[in-house]
Amino acid sequence: MLNGMRDHQAGRAELRGDCERCFGLCCVALPFSASADFAVDKAAGTPCRNLREDHRCGIHARLRQKGFTGCTVYDCFGAGQQVSQITFGGQDWRTGPPERARRMFEVFPVVRQLHELLWYLTEALALPAARPVHAELREALEKTEELTAGTPEELAGLDVAAHRQEVNVLLLRTSELARAGTKGRRKDRRGADLMGARLKGADLRGASLRGAYLIAADLTGADLRGADLIGADLRDADLTDADLTGAFFLTQPQLNAARGSAGTRLPGSVTRPGHWTAQA
């Protein structure tokens, strides 16, 4: 179980996928359909044809070339190792009874959602402007951690949507506090349809882009400092030379799905995707 009082960076380290400690759960539990992101159809609970017996991907270095771009942008927020090593105590789904495998695949997406919430709550607690709600954020983080430590049966029966809604109220308040210090008019583009939008050089400082559809949007050189990006769809968005310094609630999967450059300025919570260099 994660410790709610741990420091910010240590907490983030536990919320990143560690495939070495996982039994390839994302390659089995999740379904995907043949599309631009996946070369083939795969049903939930069915191992991907590229998954080897040692739980490694047989085409990991060539996923993009083989049509599995979706795999390269995915991150489980550490749910894979949590379910594999903690929830099921290191028991491999391949070697146990079918019921255990079925339960592992059922629990994995639940824990993934809980870990994503832990990511946001951990970041919220690191924002000085959110100090007025830090006590409530700590309480929510500790409750979420307790839920991740539940038994397989407890996790399978959890109403994770209801818990997400409770946490979201706090995250909304955090966003308001964090963006209040931005000078000028703060744009509210929550849930906006900005697919393919021409936003080159746009001033989006302190904007709320929660759940905005920014698919294939041109954000070249845009100023996104201090913007709230929770849930924003950045698939194929062009972040070349954009400034995301201080942007918050941005996750690695979101960034991995976008395009960028060496000139893109990022917050310290994420890392520059390797494929950005290849695109340059």
Protein backbone atom coordinates (compact mmCIF):
# COMPACT_ATOMS: atom_id res chain seq x y z
CA MET A 1 0.00 0.00 0.00
CA LEU A 2 1.21 3.49 -0.79
CA ASN A 3 1.91 5.81 2.10
CA GLY A 4 -0.17 8.98 2.02
CA MET A 5 2.50 10.96 3.84
CA ARG A 6 5.31 10.11 1.43
CA ASP A 7 7.01 12.94 -0.41
CA HIS A 8 5.82 14.07 -3.83
CA GLN A 9 8.55 12.55 -6.00
CA ALA A 10 8.63 9.21 -4.16
CA GLY A 11 4.86 8.97 -4.57
CA ARG A 12 5.06 9.65 -8.28
CA ALA A 13 7.67 6.92 -8.74
CA GLU A 14 5.18 4.33 -7.46
CA LEU A 15 2.54 5.60 -9.87
CA ARG A 16 4.45 4.75 -13.02
CA GLY A 17 4.15 1.43 -14.78
CA ASP A 18 6.90 -1.08 -14.00
CA CYS A 19 6.56 -3.91 -16.50
CA GLU A 20 9.29 -5.92 -14.77
CA ARG A 21 6.95 -6.42 -11.79
CA CYS A 22 3.79 -7.04 -13.78
CA PHE A 23 2.38 -10.13 -15.48
CA GLY A 24 1.56 -8.32 -18.72
CA LEU A 25 -1.91 -7.43 -17.48
CA CYS A 26 -2.51 -4.56 -19.91
CA CYS A 27 -1.68 -6.94 -22.76
CA VAL A 28 -4.36 -9.39 -21.63
CA ALA A 29 -7.08 -7.70 -19.57
CA LEU A 30 -7.89 -4.84 -21.94
CA PRO A 31 -9.77 -5.10 -25.25
CA PHE A 32 -8.87 -3.19 -28.38
CA SER A 33 -10.25 -2.87 -31.88
CA ALA A 34 -8.38 -2.75 -35.18
CA SER A 35 -7.78 0.92 -35.90
CA ALA A 36 -5.02 3.46 -36.46
CA ASP A 37 -3.85 2.63 -32.92
CA PHE A 38 -4.05 -1.16 -33.04
CA ALA A 39 -3.31 -3.47 -35.96
CA VAL A 40 -5.79 -6.18 -34.91
CA ASP A 41 -8.88 -6.83 -32.80
CA LYS A 42 -8.38 -8.32 -29.35
CA ALA A 43 -11.03 -9.29 -26.80
CA ALA A 44 -10.74 -8.51 -23.08
CA GLY A 45 -9.09 -11.38 -21.22
CA THR A 46 -7.36 -12.67 -24.34
CA PRO A 47 -3.55 -12.36 -24.49
CA CYS A 48 -2.21 -10.14 -27.24
CA ARG A 49 -0.59 -12.22 -29.96
CA ASN A 50 2.68 -10.37 -29.31
CA LEU A 51 2.84 -11.27 -25.59
CA ARG A 52 5.59 -13.78 -24.85
CA GLU A 53 5.60 -16.45 -22.15
CA ASP A 54 7.84 -14.26 -19.97
CA HIS A 55 5.22 -11.47 -20.11
CA ARG A 56 7.37 -9.31 -22.38
CA CYS A 57 6.24 -7.82 -25.67
CA GLY A 58 7.77 -9.57 -28.65
CA ILE A 59 7.73 -6.41 -30.77
CA HIS A 60 8.31 -3.77 -28.10
CA ALA A 61 10.98 -1.94 -30.09
CA ARG A 62 8.82 -1.97 -33.24
CA LEU A 63 5.34 -1.27 -31.90
CA ARG A 64 4.80 1.86 -33.97
CA GLN A 65 6.10 0.28 -37.15
CA LYS A 66 3.84 -2.75 -36.59
CA GLY A 67 0.69 -0.68 -36.11
CA PHE A 68 0.43 -0.75 -32.32
CA THR A 69 0.82 2.97 -31.59
CA GLY A 70 -1.86 2.68 -28.90
CA CYS A 71 0.46 0.51 -26.82
CA THR A 72 3.23 3.12 -26.92
CA VAL A 73 1.05 5.85 -25.39
CA TYR A 74 -0.50 3.71 -22.65
CA ASP A 75 0.50 3.83 -18.99
CA CYS A 76 -1.19 1.95 -16.15
CA PHE A 77 -0.06 4.41 -13.42
CA GLY A 78 1.55 1.49 -11.59
CA ALA A 79 -1.65 -0.55 -11.42
CA GLY A 80 0.01 -3.50 -13.14
CA GLN A 81 2.59 -4.12 -10.45
CA GLN A 82 0.07 -3.29 -7.70
CA VAL A 83 -2.37 -5.94 -8.87
CA SER A 84 0.35 -8.48 -9.72
CA GLN A 85 2.50 -8.15 -6.61
CA ILE A 86 0.19 -6.77 -3.91
CA THR A 87 -3.44 -7.60 -4.66
CA PHE A 88 -2.60 -11.13 -5.81
CA GLY A 89 0.66 -11.58 -3.91
CA GLY A 90 2.85 -12.37 -6.92
CA GLN A 91 0.57 -15.11 -8.27
CA ASP A 92 0.79 -15.37 -12.05
CA TRP A 93 -2.50 -15.54 -13.97
CA ARG A 94 -0.93 -18.11 -16.31
CA THR A 95 -0.28 -20.70 -13.59
CA GLY A 96 -3.40 -20.45 -11.43
CA PRO A 97 -7.04 -21.46 -11.84
CA PRO A 98 -9.13 -19.70 -14.52
CA GLU A 99 -11.16 -17.93 -11.83
CA ARG A 100 -8.04 -16.16 -10.51
CA ALA A 101 -7.08 -14.99 -13.97
CA ARG A 102 -10.61 -13.71 -14.59
CA ARG A 103 -10.57 -11.81 -11.30
CA MET A 104 -7.16 -10.28 -12.01
CA PHE A 105 -8.38 -8.99 -15.35
CA GLU A 106 -11.53 -7.61 -13.69
CA VAL A 107 -9.62 -5.82 -10.93
CA PHE A 108 -6.83 -4.34 -13.07
CA PRO A 109 -8.86 -1.52 -14.72
CA VAL A 110 -10.37 -0.61 -11.34
CA VAL A 111 -6.95 -0.21 -9.74
CA ARG A 112 -5.75 1.70 -12.78
CA GLN A 113 -8.49 4.29 -12.20
CA LEU A 114 -7.63 4.52 -8.51
CA HIS A 115 -3.95 5.02 -9.29
CA GLU A 116 -4.77 7.74 -11.79
CA LEU A 117 -6.65 9.52 -8.99
CA LEU A 118 -3.62 9.10 -6.74
CA TRP A 119 -1.52 10.77 -9.46
CA TYR A 120 -3.80 13.80 -9.50
CA LEU A 121 -4.12 13.99 -5.71
CA THR A 122 -0.37 13.74 -5.23
CA GLU A 123 0.15 16.56 -7.70
CA ALA A 124 -2.58 18.67 -6.10
CA LEU A 125 -0.84 18.39 -2.74
CA ALA A 126 2.35 19.73 -4.33
CA LEU A 127 0.62 22.92 -5.49
CA PRO A 128 1.19 25.72 -2.93
CA ALA A 129 -1.87 27.59 -4.19
CA ALA A 130 -4.06 24.63 -3.18
CA ARG A 131 -3.04 24.92 0.47
CA PRO A 132 -6.60 25.85 1.58
CA VAL A 133 -7.77 22.36 0.57
CA HIS A 134 -4.62 20.39 1.43
CA ALA A 135 -6.25 18.74 4.45
CA GLU A 136 -9.16 17.50 2.35
CA LEU A 137 -6.80 16.39 -0.40
CA ARG A 138 -4.72 14.36 2.07
CA GLU A 139 -7.88 12.72 3.38
CA ALA A 140 -8.97 11.84 -0.15
CA LEU A 141 -5.52 10.50 -1.00
CA GLU A 142 -5.45 8.29 2.10
CA LYS A 143 -8.94 6.99 1.37
CA THR A 144 -7.96 6.18 -2.21
CA GLU A 145 -4.83 4.39 -1.01
CA GLU A 146 -6.94 2.31 1.37
CA LEU A 147 -9.19 1.33 -1.53
CA THR A 148 -6.20 0.16 -3.61
CA ALA A 149 -5.24 -2.14 -0.73
CA GLY A 150 -8.59 -3.92 -0.83
CA THR A 151 -9.07 -7.61 -1.52
CA PRO A 152 -9.82 -8.73 -5.08
CA GLU A 153 -13.47 -9.11 -4.10
CA GLU A 154 -13.64 -5.63 -2.57
CA LEU A 155 -12.01 -4.05 -5.61
CA ALA A 156 -14.28 -5.89 -8.04
CA GLY A 157 -17.33 -4.61 -6.17
CA LEU A 158 -16.11 -1.03 -5.81
CA ASP A 159 -18.19 1.81 -7.27
CA VAL A 160 -15.12 3.53 -8.67
CA ALA A 161 -17.21 6.06 -10.63
CA ALA A 162 -18.75 7.37 -7.41
CA HIS A 163 -15.34 7.70 -5.79
CA ARG A 164 -13.98 9.52 -8.85
CA GLN A 165 -16.83 11.99 -8.57
CA GLU A 166 -16.02 12.71 -4.92
CA VAL A 167 -12.37 13.31 -5.75
CA ASN A 168 -13.23 15.43 -8.77
CA VAL A 169 -14.99 17.99 -6.58
CA LEU A 170 -11.68 18.55 -4.78
CA LEU A 171 -9.68 18.60 -8.00
CA LEU A 172 -11.99 21.26 -9.42
CA ARG A 173 -11.44 23.41 -6.34
CA THR A 174 -7.70 22.82 -6.65
CA SER A 175 -7.80 23.95 -10.27
CA GLU A 176 -9.63 27.17 -9.37
CA LEU A 177 -7.09 27.99 -6.67
CA ALA A 178 -4.07 27.14 -8.84
CA ARG A 179 -5.28 29.21 -11.79
CA ALA A 180 -6.43 32.19 -9.72
CA GLY A 181 -2.95 33.67 -9.76
CA THR A 182 -2.78 33.89 -13.55
CA LYS A 183 -2.95 37.46 -14.79
CA GLY A 184 -5.56 38.43 -17.35
CA ARG A 185 -8.67 36.58 -18.41
CA ARG A 186 -8.47 32.84 -17.80
CA LYS A 187 -10.21 30.97 -20.60
CA ASP A 188 -12.71 28.27 -19.66
CA ARG A 189 -12.67 25.65 -22.42
CA ARG A 190 -13.88 22.70 -20.37
CA GLY A 191 -15.08 19.92 -22.66
CA ALA A 192 -14.66 22.14 -25.72
CA ASP A 193 -14.52 20.59 -29.17
CA LEU A 194 -11.17 21.87 -30.42
CA MET A 195 -10.37 19.01 -32.77
CA GLY A 196 -8.03 20.25 -35.47
CA ALA A 197 -8.25 23.79 -34.08
CA ARG A 198 -5.69 26.33 -35.25
CA LEU A 199 -4.25 27.51 -31.95
CA LYS A 200 -0.71 28.31 -33.06
CA GLY A 201 0.80 30.78 -30.61
CA ALA A 202 -2.45 30.97 -28.62
CA ASP A 203 -2.42 32.50 -25.16
CA LEU A 204 -3.90 29.74 -23.00
CA ARG A 205 -2.22 30.70 -19.74
CA GLY A 206 -4.25 29.50 -16.78
CA ALA A 207 -6.94 28.10 -19.06
CA SER A 208 -9.22 25.28 -18.02
CA LEU A 209 -8.95 22.64 -20.74
CA ARG A 210 -10.49 19.88 -18.63
CA GLY A 211 -11.83 17.20 -20.96
CA ALA A 212 -11.28 19.35 -24.04
CA TYR A 213 -10.99 17.58 -27.40
CA LEU A 214 -7.67 18.77 -28.80
CA ILE A 215 -7.19 15.92 -31.25
CA ALA A 216 -4.84 17.03 -34.05
CA ALA A 217 -5.02 20.63 -32.84
CA ASP A 218 -2.19 22.94 -33.86
CA LEU A 219 -0.73 24.19 -30.57
CA THR A 220 2.63 25.11 -32.05
CA GLY A 221 4.23 27.75 -29.85
CA ALA A 222 1.08 28.03 -27.70
CA ASP A 223 1.41 29.35 -24.15
CA LEU A 224 -0.13 26.76 -21.83
CA ARG A 225 1.60 27.84 -18.65
CA GLY A 226 -0.51 27.07 -15.59
CA ALA A 227 -3.28 25.43 -17.63
CA ASP A 228 -5.47 22.64 -16.24
CA LEU A 229 -5.17 19.71 -18.66
CA ILE A 230 -6.99 16.99 -16.76
CA GLY A 231 -8.67 14.64 -19.19
CA ALA A 232 -7.78 16.73 -22.26
CA ASP A 233 -7.51 14.56 -25.40
CA LEU A 234 -4.14 15.44 -26.93
CA ARG A 235 -3.98 12.68 -29.51
CA ASP A 236 -1.85 13.89 -32.42
CA ALA A 237 -1.96 17.48 -31.08
CA ASP A 238 1.10 19.45 -32.20
CA LEU A 239 2.92 20.81 -29.15
CA THR A 240 6.04 21.86 -31.05
CA ASP A 241 7.73 24.69 -29.13
CA ALA A 242 4.69 25.07 -26.85
CA ASP A 243 5.22 26.14 -23.25
CA LEU A 244 3.53 23.84 -20.73
CA THR A 245 5.58 25.06 -17.77
CA GLY A 246 3.45 24.86 -14.65
CA ALA A 247 0.59 23.13 -16.48
CA PHE A 248 -0.99 20.67 -14.08
CA PHE A 249 -2.93 17.39 -14.10
CA LEU A 250 -1.06 16.44 -17.28
CA THR A 251 -0.30 12.73 -17.49
CA GLN A 252 2.35 10.83 -19.39
CA PRO A 253 -0.22 8.98 -21.57
CA GLN A 254 -1.65 12.33 -22.70
CA LEU A 255 1.78 13.60 -23.61
CA ASN A 256 2.79 10.35 -25.29
CA ALA A 257 -0.23 10.66 -27.59
CA ALA A 258 0.79 14.15 -28.74
CA ARG A 259 3.54 15.41 -31.02
CA GLY A 260 6.27 17.74 -29.85
CA SER A 261 9.86 18.86 -30.17
CA ALA A 262 13.03 19.56 -28.24
CA GLY A 263 11.70 23.10 -27.87
CA THR A 264 8.53 22.02 -26.07
CA ARG A 265 8.77 23.11 -22.43
CA LEU A 266 7.25 20.63 -20.00
CA PRO A 267 6.32 20.49 -16.31
CA GLY A 268 8.60 18.35 -14.15
CA SER A 269 5.91 15.72 -13.54
CA VAL A 270 6.31 14.22 -17.04
CA THR A 271 9.14 13.22 -19.35
CA ARG A 272 9.73 14.04 -22.99
CA PRO A 273 8.45 11.12 -25.14
CA GLY A 274 11.18 9.31 -27.02
CA HIS A 275 9.25 9.30 -30.29
CA TRP A 276 9.27 13.12 -30.39
CA THR A 277 12.94 12.98 -31.34
CA ALA A 278 12.17 10.54 -34.13
CA GLN A 279 9.53 12.91 -35.49
CA ALA A 280 11.91 15.86 -35.65
